[in-house]
Amino acid sequence: MHTPPLVLTIAGSEATGGAGAQVDLKTFQQHGVFGCMALTCIVSFDPQDHWAHRFVPVDPQVIADQLEVITTTYPPEQLDVVKIGMLGTPATIETVAGVLRERRFGHVVLDPVLICKGQEPGAALDTDEALKALVLPLATFVTPNHFETMSLSGMETIETVEQLTEAARLVHERSGAAVLAKGGVHLPGPDAVDVYVDADRTEVLSSPKLGDGVQVAGAGCTLAAAVAAELALGATNYEAAVAAKAFVTRGIEARMGSSAPFDVVWQGA
């Protein structure tokens, strides 16, 4: 009987297959890890409205039901790694946080999908504040993008590697988690720079910028999912960060185009 490592993703569906839970499962499979999924929301772009997001949350009880059967089917000694993607509402965040407190996974990899850019008080801000208050303290590894790193660190600007490093340290201090802060295409220069910070080390990870210097859809989801898969395979946090960045770089290099105004990562690379 084959018993591969298991990873749970708690994330949303993105209909094109370029992000979200679809990407997580493909990334797990590519690593030889068995993936299971609790769906939190359904996201589709609107081609008739400049490809804006259409967002439909899954009922919190349905999320709880999914997590109940997953955690019952796979006991802690079999399933000890969870990757968290888009949650989307305070109610969803409360439900997921409750399960995380009860189950106590050994590795909680949080891709902190923040939706409030400072212009949307109300539901968006409430959602982000709930994520910071309820889920971030339970994470063991956090993979914020450029904007999320600013939000979680409290820094108003990140324009240099030194500022990204300072921000990553602040996120680590506030969460206690290992942090892989993604500079990506947002920092000047020829390289895509990310910064890894944990209690014992700080490392700058660089690779040449690809994709003509523009963001490629699914890169953040793929990175966090690859970290989770590597942890399930026995890697340390730092080893998982290095391997995940290399995996994403290959996926961006082999990115797939479409009729949408963005390319997507190809996990099969």
Protein backbone atom coordinates (compact mmCIF):
# COMPACT_ATOMS: atom_id res chain seq x y z
CA MET A 1 0.00 0.00 0.00
CA HIS A 2 1.39 3.41 -1.02
CA THR A 3 1.32 6.00 1.74
CA PRO A 4 2.74 9.29 0.44
CA PRO A 5 3.00 12.38 2.63
CA LEU A 6 -0.26 14.33 2.92
CA VAL A 7 -0.95 18.07 2.81
CA LEU A 8 -4.26 19.85 3.33
CA THR A 9 -5.03 23.08 1.52
CA ILE A 10 -7.72 25.42 2.82
CA ALA A 11 -8.26 27.79 -0.08
CA GLY A 12 -10.57 29.15 -2.74
CA SER A 13 -11.31 27.90 -6.24
CA GLU A 14 -10.10 30.02 -9.16
CA ALA A 15 -11.95 28.94 -12.26
CA THR A 16 -9.16 29.32 -14.84
CA GLY A 17 -6.92 26.93 -12.91
CA GLY A 18 -4.20 29.54 -12.62
CA ALA A 19 -4.42 30.17 -8.88
CA GLY A 20 -6.07 28.99 -5.70
CA ALA A 21 -6.76 25.44 -4.63
CA GLN A 22 -6.32 24.12 -8.16
CA VAL A 23 -2.73 25.32 -8.14
CA ASP A 24 -2.16 23.89 -4.67
CA LEU A 25 -3.27 20.41 -5.68
CA LYS A 26 -1.18 20.48 -8.87
CA THR A 27 1.86 21.59 -6.88
CA PHE A 28 1.36 18.84 -4.29
CA GLN A 29 1.01 16.23 -7.01
CA GLN A 30 4.16 17.44 -8.75
CA HIS A 31 6.06 16.93 -5.49
CA GLY A 32 4.73 13.42 -4.98
CA VAL A 33 2.55 14.55 -2.08
CA PHE A 34 -1.13 13.60 -1.68
CA GLY A 35 -3.34 16.67 -1.45
CA CYS A 36 -6.76 17.14 0.10
CA MET A 37 -8.80 20.33 0.01
CA ALA A 38 -11.35 22.33 1.97
CA LEU A 39 -12.88 24.92 -0.34
CA THR A 40 -13.51 28.38 1.17
CA CYS A 41 -14.84 30.40 -1.77
CA ILE A 42 -15.34 30.43 -5.52
CA VAL A 43 -13.56 33.13 -7.50
CA SER A 44 -14.01 33.84 -11.19
CA PHE A 45 -12.78 36.75 -13.27
CA ASP A 46 -15.29 38.84 -15.21
CA PRO A 47 -14.06 39.23 -18.81
CA GLN A 48 -16.79 41.83 -19.37
CA ASP A 49 -15.54 44.05 -16.52
CA HIS A 50 -11.78 44.37 -17.00
CA TRP A 51 -11.25 40.89 -15.50
CA ALA A 52 -12.43 42.00 -12.07
CA HIS A 53 -12.88 39.35 -9.40
CA ARG A 54 -16.28 37.77 -8.76
CA PHE A 55 -16.25 36.31 -5.26
CA VAL A 56 -18.73 33.85 -3.72
CA PRO A 57 -17.98 32.60 -0.19
CA VAL A 58 -18.70 29.04 0.86
CA ASP A 59 -21.00 28.81 3.86
CA PRO A 60 -18.95 28.47 7.08
CA GLN A 61 -20.82 25.32 8.08
CA VAL A 62 -19.90 23.72 4.75
CA ILE A 63 -16.27 24.65 5.39
CA ALA A 64 -16.49 23.14 8.86
CA ASP A 65 -18.03 19.98 7.40
CA GLN A 66 -15.17 19.62 4.92
CA LEU A 67 -12.57 20.06 7.62
CA GLU A 68 -14.36 17.63 9.92
CA VAL A 69 -14.23 14.78 7.42
CA ILE A 70 -10.63 15.54 6.40
CA THR A 71 -9.30 15.62 9.95
CA THR A 72 -11.28 12.51 10.86
CA THR A 73 -10.08 10.59 7.81
CA TYR A 74 -6.41 11.51 8.27
CA PRO A 75 -5.16 11.56 11.90
CA PRO A 76 -2.37 13.92 13.00
CA GLU A 77 0.40 11.40 12.52
CA GLN A 78 -0.66 11.08 8.87
CA LEU A 79 -1.65 14.67 8.07
CA ASP A 80 0.45 17.28 9.87
CA VAL A 81 0.87 20.03 7.24
CA VAL A 82 -1.75 22.53 6.15
CA LYS A 83 -1.47 25.33 3.60
CA ILE A 84 -3.90 28.23 3.93
CA GLY A 85 -4.81 30.43 0.99
CA MET A 86 -7.72 32.78 0.40
CA LEU A 87 -10.30 32.76 3.18
CA GLY A 88 -12.21 35.88 2.23
CA THR A 89 -14.63 36.64 5.08
CA PRO A 90 -14.41 37.07 8.87
CA ALA A 91 -16.82 34.16 9.35
CA THR A 92 -14.62 31.86 7.28
CA ILE A 93 -11.54 33.01 9.18
CA GLU A 94 -13.19 32.29 12.52
CA THR A 95 -14.19 28.82 11.37
CA VAL A 96 -10.72 27.95 10.06
CA ALA A 97 -8.96 29.40 13.12
CA GLY A 98 -11.14 27.27 15.38
CA VAL A 99 -10.13 24.10 13.54
CA LEU A 100 -6.45 25.08 13.61
CA ARG A 101 -6.60 25.62 17.37
CA GLU A 102 -8.32 22.27 17.87
CA ARG A 103 -6.22 20.17 15.49
CA ARG A 104 -2.77 21.72 16.11
CA PHE A 105 -0.98 20.91 12.87
CA GLY A 106 2.80 20.72 13.08
CA HIS A 107 3.19 23.01 10.06
CA VAL A 108 0.74 25.79 9.18
CA VAL A 109 1.85 27.53 5.97
CA LEU A 110 -0.07 30.79 5.55
CA ASP A 111 -0.26 32.62 2.25
CA PRO A 112 -1.79 35.75 3.83
CA VAL A 113 -4.20 36.88 1.14
CA LEU A 114 -5.03 40.45 2.16
CA ILE A 115 -7.72 42.26 0.22
CA CYS A 116 -7.85 45.76 1.72
CA LYS A 117 -5.54 48.21 -0.02
CA GLY A 118 -6.46 51.05 2.33
CA GLN A 119 -9.39 52.27 0.21
CA GLU A 120 -12.07 49.80 1.29
CA PRO A 121 -13.11 50.29 4.91
CA GLY A 122 -15.71 47.87 6.15
CA ALA A 123 -15.84 44.26 4.99
CA ALA A 124 -12.40 44.14 3.36
CA LEU A 125 -10.66 45.76 6.33
CA ASP A 126 -12.59 43.57 8.80
CA THR A 127 -11.49 40.48 6.89
CA ASP A 128 -7.83 41.46 6.89
CA GLU A 129 -7.87 42.38 10.58
CA ALA A 130 -9.50 39.04 11.43
CA LEU A 131 -6.80 37.18 9.48
CA LYS A 132 -4.05 39.04 11.34
CA ALA A 133 -5.68 38.50 14.73
CA LEU A 134 -6.89 34.90 14.44
CA VAL A 135 -4.83 33.02 11.84
CA LEU A 136 -1.44 34.72 11.70
CA PRO A 137 -0.59 33.79 15.34
CA LEU A 138 -1.26 30.13 14.50
CA ALA A 139 1.02 30.07 11.45
CA THR A 140 4.45 28.44 11.49
CA PHE A 141 5.48 29.72 8.04
CA VAL A 142 4.22 32.86 6.27
CA THR A 143 4.71 33.81 2.60
CA PRO A 144 3.56 37.44 2.16
CA ASN A 145 3.88 39.25 -1.16
CA HIS A 146 5.20 42.81 -1.41
CA PHE A 147 1.94 44.50 -0.38
CA GLU A 148 1.19 41.93 2.33
CA THR A 149 4.68 42.32 3.77
CA MET A 150 4.09 46.06 4.12
CA SER A 151 0.71 45.49 5.74
CA LEU A 152 1.89 42.83 8.18
CA SER A 153 5.07 44.70 9.12
CA GLY A 154 3.49 48.14 9.36
CA MET A 155 6.07 49.63 7.00
CA GLU A 156 4.77 52.24 4.58
CA THR A 157 7.22 51.50 1.79
CA ILE A 158 9.54 48.69 0.71
CA GLU A 159 11.78 49.70 -2.16
CA THR A 160 15.10 48.05 -1.32
CA VAL A 161 16.38 44.65 -0.24
CA GLU A 162 17.34 46.18 3.10
CA GLN A 163 13.78 47.39 3.67
CA LEU A 164 12.38 44.01 2.62
CA THR A 165 14.71 42.33 5.10
CA GLU A 166 13.65 44.67 7.90
CA ALA A 167 9.99 44.07 7.07
CA ALA A 168 10.45 40.30 7.03
CA ARG A 169 12.08 40.46 10.47
CA LEU A 170 9.18 42.52 11.79
CA VAL A 171 6.65 39.99 10.48
CA HIS A 172 8.65 37.19 12.10
CA GLU A 173 8.79 39.03 15.42
CA ARG A 174 5.06 39.70 15.38
CA SER A 175 4.00 36.20 14.31
CA GLY A 176 6.74 33.91 15.58
CA ALA A 177 6.63 32.15 12.20
CA ALA A 178 9.33 31.63 9.62
CA VAL A 179 8.83 34.25 6.90
CA LEU A 180 9.55 34.20 3.19
CA ALA A 181 8.81 37.78 2.12
CA LYS A 182 8.49 38.15 -1.63
CA GLY A 183 9.96 41.18 -3.33
CA GLY A 184 9.33 39.67 -6.75
CA VAL A 185 9.20 42.22 -9.57
CA HIS A 186 8.51 45.13 -7.20
CA LEU A 187 12.12 45.86 -6.27
CA PRO A 188 14.42 47.50 -8.83
CA GLY A 189 17.20 45.53 -10.45
CA PRO A 190 17.55 42.42 -12.62
CA ASP A 191 16.76 39.89 -9.90
CA ALA A 192 13.56 38.73 -8.22
CA VAL A 193 14.54 38.96 -4.56
CA ASP A 194 12.85 37.25 -1.63
CA VAL A 195 13.99 37.34 1.99
CA TYR A 196 13.82 34.40 4.41
CA VAL A 197 13.82 35.05 8.16
CA ASP A 198 13.41 32.73 11.11
CA ALA A 199 14.66 32.77 14.68
CA ASP A 200 18.16 31.68 13.67
CA ARG A 201 18.91 33.02 10.21
CA THR A 202 18.26 35.69 7.61
CA GLU A 203 18.88 34.86 3.96
CA VAL A 204 18.38 36.78 0.72
CA LEU A 205 17.19 34.51 -2.11
CA SER A 206 17.67 35.84 -5.65
CA SER A 207 16.95 34.63 -9.15
CA PRO A 208 16.79 36.49 -12.48
CA LYS A 209 13.50 38.25 -13.18
CA LEU A 210 11.40 36.41 -15.75
CA GLY A 211 8.08 37.11 -17.48
CA ASP A 212 9.22 40.48 -18.87
CA GLY A 213 9.19 41.93 -15.37
CA VAL A 214 5.44 41.53 -14.85
CA GLN A 215 3.62 39.46 -12.26
CA VAL A 216 2.60 35.96 -13.31
CA ALA A 217 -0.67 34.64 -11.90
CA GLY A 218 -0.43 31.74 -9.47
CA ALA A 219 3.15 32.38 -8.37
CA GLY A 220 2.23 33.13 -4.77
CA CYS A 221 -0.09 30.15 -4.45
CA THR A 222 2.50 27.89 -6.02
CA LEU A 223 5.25 29.11 -3.70
CA ALA A 224 3.27 28.51 -0.51
CA ALA A 225 2.02 25.13 -1.74
CA ALA A 226 5.57 24.10 -2.65
CA VAL A 227 6.76 25.11 0.83
CA ALA A 228 4.03 22.97 2.36
CA ALA A 229 4.88 20.01 0.14
CA GLU A 230 8.58 20.26 0.96
CA LEU A 231 7.81 20.38 4.68
CA ALA A 232 5.65 17.26 4.33
CA LEU A 233 8.61 15.57 2.63
CA GLY A 234 10.81 16.33 5.65
CA ALA A 235 12.60 19.55 4.65
CA THR A 236 13.51 22.21 7.18
CA ASN A 237 11.82 25.59 6.89
CA TYR A 238 14.83 27.10 5.13
CA GLU A 239 15.28 24.12 2.82
CA ALA A 240 11.60 24.35 1.92
CA ALA A 241 11.96 28.07 1.12
CA VAL A 242 14.92 27.51 -1.19
CA ALA A 243 13.31 24.57 -2.98
CA ALA A 244 9.97 26.37 -3.35
CA LYS A 245 11.58 29.45 -4.89
CA ALA A 246 13.40 27.25 -7.41
CA PHE A 247 10.14 25.43 -8.22
CA VAL A 248 8.30 28.71 -8.83
CA THR A 249 11.13 30.09 -10.94
CA ARG A 250 10.92 27.07 -13.25
CA GLY A 251 7.15 27.45 -13.42
CA ILE A 252 7.39 31.13 -14.35
CA GLU A 253 10.02 30.39 -16.98
CA ALA A 254 7.65 27.83 -18.56
CA ARG A 255 4.57 30.01 -17.96
CA MET A 256 1.43 29.48 -19.99
CA GLY A 257 -0.33 32.21 -21.96
CA SER A 258 -4.04 32.56 -22.66
CA SER A 259 -6.63 35.06 -23.87
CA ALA A 260 -6.64 36.60 -20.40
CA PRO A 261 -4.41 39.63 -19.78
CA PHE A 262 -1.99 37.59 -17.67
CA ASP A 263 0.23 34.54 -17.94
CA VAL A 264 0.07 31.71 -15.40
CA VAL A 265 2.68 29.50 -13.72
CA TRP A 266 3.09 26.02 -15.18
CA GLN A 267 3.61 23.65 -12.25
CA GLY A 268 4.57 20.82 -14.59
CA ALA A 269 7.86 22.50 -15.45
